[in-house]
């Protein structure tokens, strides 16, 4: 990350919604068990689906698991029976999707969710906001599983929400199709057994961009911590950054940049020398690599350091590895290495981000 970007990115986050803790639901924890039935039919086929589903959440929804276990019977020109089992879990920004057909669990991250969690956004009223945006209307109330919920309707599709966030009933009607999910038991604000969030013991396959998202998560965490630092220091000076009439003078802008960039600068002082060594070793390693796997392995030490910094690690094309692809990667690494050395020299002799910006200005090659 170039130093000047620190100010621009952090300052856009100053007005981020902050509710003290990330909230998807109005309750800290909950388990909802559903009965589910689906009917679909046409001139040739009649399908009847019956089964159960569950919603489990903790930490206001930062941890969440959704599971369906359905059985389907088809009749018409032919008869068939089949099952449908799905399971999805969110664990503080990490998303797991279970494939019961291939016995594989896919793992990835959601950057928007990462940011919402770091911002401690309150999204517990989001379902109602979305319904209103669609033009849905409340048409009454129902008592389901012992709880009274608001029944919303939009073009014949209905959802009954408890406390604006927990769906107790969902009905979808279309010509030749009817679907209903209805809560039969609801447990709220009770301790959740960790076993409720356990995944099957399947092979875990990480999404190709998962490592880049690790860096993104670190960067987002640093953003939010630095914003807290900024608010505290500005408060000591009697400055309210939320004041829309606040004038950002040149001196105040420098103060903001230096406070926001302090955590990153501290990391750079510690890690840039190690990154330079890792990049130099990566060049030698790539030159001697025989396969795509070996070449990718060369970049692991570089990626680990960049993840700690919160910086993206460039990716290189090592598929069907040949000398031309190795040369292209090494050339790109040379540019990265040159820029990193220039930055490290400026970081080593300066203790303020604004001074580092001046020191590197006009000296870095375009990336």
Protein backbone atom coordinates (compact mmCIF):
# COMPACT_ATOMS: atom_id res chain seq x y z
CA UNK A 1 0.00 0.00 0.00
CA UNK A 2 1.40 3.40 -0.93
CA UNK A 3 1.46 5.85 2.03
CA UNK A 4 -0.81 8.46 0.42
CA UNK A 5 -3.56 5.84 0.02
CA UNK A 6 -3.62 5.43 3.81
CA UNK A 7 -5.12 8.88 4.32
CA UNK A 8 -7.67 8.57 1.54
CA UNK A 9 -8.92 5.14 2.55
CA UNK A 10 -8.98 5.72 6.28
CA UNK A 11 -10.73 9.05 6.03
CA UNK A 12 -13.60 7.56 4.01
CA UNK A 13 -14.17 5.17 6.94
CA UNK A 14 -14.42 7.84 9.61
CA UNK A 15 -18.18 8.05 9.26
CA UNK A 16 -18.68 4.26 9.21
CA UNK A 17 -21.71 3.11 11.21
CA UNK A 18 -20.57 1.98 14.65
CA UNK A 19 -22.97 0.19 16.98
CA UNK A 20 -20.33 -1.09 19.42
CA UNK A 21 -20.53 -4.61 17.97
CA UNK A 22 -21.40 -6.16 14.61
CA UNK A 23 -25.07 -7.20 14.56
CA UNK A 24 -27.00 -9.19 12.00
CA UNK A 25 -29.75 -10.09 14.47
CA UNK A 26 -31.45 -8.39 17.40
CA UNK A 27 -30.37 -11.24 19.66
CA UNK A 28 -26.91 -12.37 20.70
CA UNK A 29 -27.62 -16.01 19.96
CA UNK A 30 -30.36 -18.23 18.65
CA UNK A 31 -31.44 -21.53 17.15
CA UNK A 32 -34.47 -21.78 14.88
CA UNK A 33 -35.81 -25.12 13.64
CA UNK A 34 -38.04 -25.13 10.56
CA UNK A 35 -40.37 -27.49 8.74
CA UNK A 36 -40.12 -27.10 5.00
CA UNK A 37 -42.33 -28.16 2.12
CA UNK A 38 -42.12 -27.45 -1.58
CA UNK A 39 -44.54 -28.46 -4.34
CA UNK A 40 -43.98 -27.95 -8.03
CA UNK A 41 -45.87 -29.38 -10.96
CA UNK A 42 -46.53 -29.12 -14.68
CA UNK A 43 -48.11 -31.35 -17.31
CA UNK A 44 -45.32 -33.92 -17.09
CA UNK A 45 -43.91 -33.77 -13.58
CA UNK A 46 -45.10 -33.47 -9.99
CA UNK A 47 -42.44 -32.85 -7.33
CA UNK A 48 -43.05 -32.96 -3.59
CA UNK A 49 -40.27 -31.93 -1.21
CA UNK A 50 -40.43 -32.32 2.56
CA UNK A 51 -37.76 -31.78 5.17
CA UNK A 52 -36.28 -29.72 7.95
CA UNK A 53 -33.95 -26.75 8.22
CA UNK A 54 -32.17 -24.92 10.99
CA UNK A 55 -30.61 -21.54 11.61
CA UNK A 56 -27.96 -21.24 14.33
CA UNK A 57 -26.19 -18.00 15.23
CA UNK A 58 -24.00 -16.54 17.95
CA UNK A 59 -22.16 -13.27 18.56
CA UNK A 60 -25.15 -11.40 17.08
CA UNK A 61 -24.73 -13.28 13.79
CA UNK A 62 -20.96 -13.01 13.28
CA UNK A 63 -21.11 -16.80 13.63
CA UNK A 64 -23.94 -18.36 11.67
CA UNK A 65 -24.89 -21.76 10.30
CA UNK A 66 -27.73 -22.59 7.93
CA UNK A 67 -28.66 -26.18 7.09
CA UNK A 68 -31.33 -27.88 5.01
CA UNK A 69 -32.04 -31.62 4.84
CA UNK A 70 -34.78 -32.36 2.33
CA UNK A 71 -36.28 -35.38 0.61
CA UNK A 72 -37.86 -35.11 -2.83
CA UNK A 73 -40.32 -37.42 -4.55
CA UNK A 74 -40.99 -36.90 -8.26
CA UNK A 75 -43.83 -38.48 -10.19
CA UNK A 76 -45.30 -38.14 -13.66
CA UNK A 77 -43.72 -39.58 -16.78
CA UNK A 78 -41.22 -41.20 -14.42
CA UNK A 79 -40.80 -41.66 -10.68
CA UNK A 80 -37.71 -40.76 -8.69
CA UNK A 81 -36.62 -40.17 -5.10
CA UNK A 82 -33.68 -38.04 -4.08
CA UNK A 83 -32.31 -36.07 -1.14
CA UNK A 84 -30.96 -32.54 -0.91
CA UNK A 85 -28.61 -31.65 1.91
CA UNK A 86 -27.00 -28.19 2.13
CA UNK A 87 -24.94 -26.53 4.85
CA UNK A 88 -23.37 -23.07 4.91
CA UNK A 89 -21.43 -21.52 7.77
CA UNK A 90 -20.08 -18.03 8.39
CA UNK A 91 -17.39 -17.61 11.02
CA UNK A 92 -16.38 -13.95 11.44
CA UNK A 93 -15.99 -13.38 7.69
CA UNK A 94 -14.83 -16.86 6.72
CA UNK A 95 -17.45 -18.69 4.66
CA UNK A 96 -17.76 -22.48 4.46
CA UNK A 97 -19.95 -24.19 1.87
CA UNK A 98 -20.37 -27.96 2.25
CA UNK A 99 -20.81 -30.18 -0.82
CA UNK A 100 -22.34 -33.42 0.44
CA UNK A 101 -22.24 -34.99 -3.04
CA UNK A 102 -18.45 -34.76 -3.35
CA UNK A 103 -17.66 -34.74 0.40
CA UNK A 104 -15.82 -31.41 0.09
CA UNK A 105 -16.06 -28.14 2.04
CA UNK A 106 -15.21 -24.93 0.18
CA UNK A 107 -13.66 -22.10 2.17
CA UNK A 108 -13.46 -18.44 1.22
CA UNK A 109 -13.86 -14.94 2.65
CA UNK A 110 -16.29 -12.10 2.03
CA UNK A 111 -14.53 -8.74 2.01
CA UNK A 112 -17.77 -6.78 2.42
CA UNK A 113 -18.60 -8.87 5.48
CA UNK A 114 -15.07 -8.38 6.82
CA UNK A 115 -15.53 -4.62 6.57
CA UNK A 116 -18.98 -4.71 8.17
CA UNK A 117 -17.62 -6.71 11.11
CA UNK A 118 -14.64 -4.39 11.51
CA UNK A 119 -16.95 -1.37 11.33
CA UNK A 120 -19.19 -3.02 13.96
CA UNK A 121 -22.13 -2.28 11.70
CA UNK A 122 -25.67 -2.83 12.96
CA UNK A 123 -27.46 -4.67 10.14
CA UNK A 124 -30.28 -6.06 12.28
CA UNK A 125 -32.90 -3.88 10.56
CA UNK A 126 -31.59 -4.60 7.06
CA UNK A 127 -34.32 -7.18 6.16
CA UNK A 128 -37.03 -4.60 6.82
CA UNK A 129 -35.16 -1.92 4.86
CA UNK A 130 -34.87 -4.28 1.90
CA UNK A 131 -38.57 -5.20 2.09
CA UNK A 132 -39.57 -1.54 2.14
CA UNK A 133 -37.28 -0.86 -0.82
CA UNK A 134 -39.13 -3.60 -2.75
CA UNK A 135 -42.46 -2.02 -1.89
CA UNK A 136 -43.55 -4.78 0.51
CA UNK A 137 -46.26 -4.00 3.06
CA UNK A 138 -47.18 -5.38 6.48
CA UNK A 139 -50.54 -7.12 6.10
CA UNK A 140 -50.91 -8.39 9.64
CA UNK A 141 -49.35 -10.36 12.45
CA UNK A 142 -49.04 -14.09 13.13
CA UNK A 143 -48.05 -16.17 16.12
CA UNK A 144 -45.52 -18.81 15.09
CA UNK A 145 -43.59 -21.08 17.47
CA UNK A 146 -44.97 -18.98 20.34
CA UNK A 147 -43.68 -15.66 18.96
CA UNK A 148 -45.62 -12.87 17.28
CA UNK A 149 -44.13 -11.70 14.00
CA UNK A 150 -44.96 -9.06 11.39
CA UNK A 151 -46.29 -10.57 8.16
CA UNK A 152 -44.90 -8.79 5.09
CA UNK A 153 -46.31 -9.32 1.61
CA UNK A 154 -44.87 -8.54 -1.80
CA UNK A 155 -46.67 -9.77 -4.91
CA UNK A 156 -48.01 -12.80 -3.08
CA UNK A 157 -44.69 -13.73 -1.52
CA UNK A 158 -44.72 -13.48 2.25
CA UNK A 159 -42.24 -13.36 5.10
CA UNK A 160 -43.05 -13.14 8.80
CA UNK A 161 -40.25 -11.37 10.68
CA UNK A 162 -39.71 -11.46 14.43
CA UNK A 163 -38.11 -8.28 15.76
CA UNK A 164 -37.33 -7.19 12.19
CA UNK A 165 -34.58 -9.76 11.64
CA UNK A 166 -35.51 -13.42 12.30
CA UNK A 167 -37.72 -15.07 9.64
CA UNK A 168 -40.33 -17.35 11.21
CA UNK A 169 -42.21 -18.07 8.00
CA UNK A 170 -41.40 -17.66 4.31
CA UNK A 171 -43.92 -18.40 1.56
CA UNK A 172 -43.21 -18.21 -2.17
CA UNK A 173 -46.02 -18.75 -4.67
CA UNK A 174 -45.69 -18.90 -8.43
CA UNK A 175 -47.76 -20.66 -11.10
CA UNK A 176 -47.01 -24.33 -10.62
CA UNK A 177 -44.84 -23.73 -7.55
CA UNK A 178 -45.40 -23.37 -3.81
CA UNK A 179 -42.73 -23.19 -1.08
CA UNK A 180 -43.19 -22.79 2.66
CA UNK A 181 -40.65 -22.71 5.47
CA UNK A 182 -42.14 -22.35 8.95
CA UNK A 183 -40.46 -22.22 12.36
CA UNK A 184 -41.48 -24.94 14.82
CA UNK A 185 -39.07 -24.10 17.66
CA UNK A 186 -37.14 -20.95 18.51
CA UNK A 187 -34.47 -20.62 21.22
CA UNK A 188 -33.03 -17.13 21.78
CA UNK A 189 -30.29 -15.66 23.97
CA UNK A 190 -29.20 -19.02 25.34
CA UNK A 191 -25.63 -20.42 25.35
CA UNK A 192 -24.91 -22.23 22.07
CA UNK A 193 -23.07 -25.54 22.22
CA UNK A 194 -19.99 -25.28 19.93
CA UNK A 195 -21.05 -28.62 18.43
CA UNK A 196 -23.92 -26.81 16.72
CA UNK A 197 -21.35 -25.13 14.45
CA UNK A 198 -19.34 -28.26 13.65
CA UNK A 199 -18.80 -29.12 10.00
CA UNK A 200 -18.53 -32.63 8.56
CA UNK A 201 -15.03 -34.07 8.43
CA UNK A 202 -14.57 -33.41 4.71
CA UNK A 203 -11.57 -32.16 2.77
CA UNK A 204 -11.39 -28.34 2.86
CA UNK A 205 -10.65 -26.57 -0.43
CA UNK A 206 -9.66 -22.91 -0.15
CA UNK A 207 -10.74 -20.41 -2.76
CA UNK A 208 -7.88 -19.17 -4.92
CA UNK A 209 -8.20 -15.62 -3.60
CA UNK A 210 -8.34 -16.68 0.06
CA UNK A 211 -4.73 -15.64 0.79
CA UNK A 212 -5.28 -12.21 -0.73
CA UNK A 213 -8.33 -11.86 1.49
CA UNK A 214 -6.22 -12.59 4.55
CA UNK A 215 -4.20 -9.50 3.73
CA UNK A 216 -7.43 -7.60 3.17
CA UNK A 217 -8.70 -8.65 6.59
CA UNK A 218 -5.49 -7.49 8.29
CA UNK A 219 -5.67 -4.21 6.39
CA UNK A 220 -9.30 -3.69 7.42
CA UNK A 221 -8.49 -4.45 11.06
CA UNK A 222 -5.63 -1.95 10.97
CA UNK A 223 -7.94 0.63 9.38
CA UNK A 224 -10.47 0.38 12.17
CA UNK A 225 -7.90 0.32 14.98
CA UNK A 226 -6.18 3.36 13.49
CA UNK A 227 -9.49 5.20 13.21
CA UNK A 228 -10.02 4.56 16.94
CA UNK A 229 -6.52 5.93 17.60
CA UNK A 230 -7.38 8.99 15.53
CA UNK A 231 -10.66 9.66 17.31
CA UNK A 232 -8.99 9.38 20.73
CA UNK A 233 -6.14 11.75 19.85
CA UNK A 234 -8.43 14.25 18.15
CA UNK A 235 -10.75 14.13 21.18
CA UNK A 236 -7.81 15.08 23.39
CA UNK A 237 -7.30 18.12 21.14
CA UNK A 238 -11.00 19.01 21.32
CA UNK A 239 -11.60 18.14 17.66
CA UNK A 240 -14.77 16.28 16.63
CA UNK A 241 -14.15 14.51 13.33
CA UNK A 242 -17.88 13.87 12.93
CA UNK A 243 -18.56 17.61 12.75
CA UNK A 244 -19.70 18.26 9.16
CA UNK A 245 -18.54 21.86 9.48
CA UNK A 246 -15.00 20.85 10.44
CA UNK A 247 -12.37 22.51 8.27
CA UNK A 248 -9.40 20.27 7.46
CA UNK A 249 -6.43 22.63 7.52
CA UNK A 250 -3.06 21.55 6.05
CA UNK A 251 -1.63 21.05 9.54
CA UNK A 252 -4.65 19.02 10.67
CA UNK A 253 -4.43 16.92 7.50
CA UNK A 254 -0.80 16.10 8.31
CA UNK A 255 -1.75 15.11 11.86
CA UNK A 256 -4.50 12.84 10.54
CA UNK A 257 -2.21 11.17 8.00
CA UNK A 258 0.49 10.56 10.60
CA UNK A 259 -1.86 9.11 13.19
CA UNK A 260 -3.61 6.89 10.65
CA UNK A 261 -0.36 5.72 9.16
CA UNK A 262 1.44 5.05 12.46
CA UNK A 263 0.50 1.34 12.77
CA UNK A 264 1.43 0.63 9.17
CA UNK A 265 4.70 2.55 9.47
CA UNK A 266 5.62 0.56 12.59
CA UNK A 267 5.00 -2.66 10.68
CA UNK A 268 7.04 -1.45 7.72
CA UNK A 269 10.06 -0.68 9.91
CA UNK A 270 9.96 -4.22 11.28
CA UNK A 271 8.96 -6.22 8.21
CA UNK A 272 10.30 -4.48 5.08
CA UNK A 273 13.90 -5.72 5.58
CA UNK A 274 12.53 -9.27 5.90
CA UNK A 275 10.35 -8.75 2.83
CA UNK A 276 13.35 -7.65 0.76
CA UNK A 277 15.24 -10.80 1.73
CA UNK A 278 12.20 -12.97 0.95
CA UNK A 279 11.78 -11.36 -2.49
CA UNK A 280 15.47 -11.80 -3.35
CA UNK A 281 15.26 -15.46 -2.36
CA UNK A 282 12.04 -15.84 -4.38
CA UNK A 283 13.83 -14.66 -7.54
CA UNK A 284 16.51 -17.32 -7.15
CA UNK A 285 13.92 -19.94 -6.29
CA UNK A 286 11.77 -19.17 -9.34
CA UNK A 287 14.82 -19.29 -11.61
CA UNK A 288 15.56 -22.84 -10.43
CA UNK A 289 11.92 -24.02 -10.31
CA UNK A 290 10.99 -26.99 -12.52
CA UNK A 291 7.23 -27.05 -12.05
CA UNK A 292 4.26 -24.74 -11.39
CA UNK A 293 4.01 -26.12 -7.84
CA UNK A 294 7.68 -25.35 -7.12
CA UNK A 295 7.36 -21.81 -8.52
CA UNK A 296 4.25 -21.06 -6.48
CA UNK A 297 6.00 -22.38 -3.38
CA UNK A 298 8.74 -19.79 -3.94
CA UNK A 299 6.25 -17.00 -3.24
CA UNK A 300 4.95 -18.37 0.07
CA UNK A 301 7.49 -16.51 2.31
CA UNK A 302 6.74 -13.26 0.42
CA UNK A 303 2.99 -13.76 0.82
CA UNK A 304 3.26 -14.47 4.55
CA UNK A 305 5.05 -11.17 5.17
CA UNK A 306 2.66 -9.22 2.94
CA UNK A 307 -0.26 -10.77 4.83
CA UNK A 308 1.18 -9.40 8.08
CA UNK A 309 1.57 -5.98 6.47
CA UNK A 310 -1.93 -6.16 5.00
CA UNK A 311 -0.52 -5.78 1.49
CA UNK A 312 -1.52 -7.66 -1.64
CA UNK A 313 0.97 -10.16 -3.04
CA UNK A 314 1.24 -10.06 -6.84
CA UNK A 315 0.37 -13.29 -8.63
CA UNK A 316 2.38 -14.62 -11.56
CA UNK A 317 1.46 -17.02 -14.33
CA UNK A 318 3.30 -20.26 -13.61
CA UNK A 319 0.93 -22.58 -15.47
CA UNK A 320 2.80 -24.72 -18.02
CA UNK A 321 5.98 -23.26 -16.59
CA UNK A 322 8.71 -22.35 -19.07
CA UNK A 323 11.72 -20.06 -19.19
CA UNK A 324 9.74 -17.14 -20.65
CA UNK A 325 7.20 -17.24 -17.79
CA UNK A 326 9.97 -17.46 -15.21
CA UNK A 327 11.73 -14.47 -16.79
CA UNK A 328 8.51 -12.43 -16.76
CA UNK A 329 7.91 -13.18 -13.08
CA UNK A 330 11.49 -12.34 -12.15
CA UNK A 331 11.29 -9.05 -14.08
CA UNK A 332 8.08 -8.11 -12.24
CA UNK A 333 9.68 -9.07 -8.93
CA UNK A 334 12.65 -6.83 -9.77
CA UNK A 335 10.31 -3.85 -10.05
CA UNK A 336 8.60 -4.77 -6.76
CA UNK A 337 11.98 -5.22 -5.12
CA UNK A 338 13.27 -1.85 -6.33
CA UNK A 339 10.21 -0.05 -4.98
CA UNK A 340 10.38 -1.93 -1.68
CA UNK A 341 14.05 -1.01 -1.20
CA UNK A 342 13.34 2.67 -1.87
CA UNK A 343 10.41 2.59 0.56
CA UNK A 344 12.44 0.73 3.21
CA UNK A 345 15.21 3.35 3.07
CA UNK A 346 12.69 6.16 3.56
CA UNK A 347 10.87 4.28 6.32
CA UNK A 348 14.13 3.58 8.16
CA UNK A 349 15.07 7.25 8.47
CA UNK A 350 11.62 8.80 9.06
CA UNK A 351 9.10 8.46 11.87
CA UNK A 352 6.12 10.14 10.24
CA UNK A 353 4.08 8.96 7.29
CA UNK A 354 4.03 12.44 5.75
CA UNK A 355 7.86 12.42 5.69
CA UNK A 356 7.86 8.97 4.06
CA UNK A 357 5.48 10.29 1.39
CA UNK A 358 7.83 13.18 0.63
CA UNK A 359 10.83 10.87 0.66
CA UNK A 360 9.37 8.41 -1.87
CA UNK A 361 7.56 10.94 -4.05
CA UNK A 362 8.59 10.59 -7.68
CA UNK A 363 11.00 7.71 -7.00
CA UNK A 364 8.73 4.65 -7.25
CA UNK A 365 8.18 2.86 -10.55
CA UNK A 366 4.52 2.34 -11.56
CA UNK A 367 3.19 -1.00 -10.41
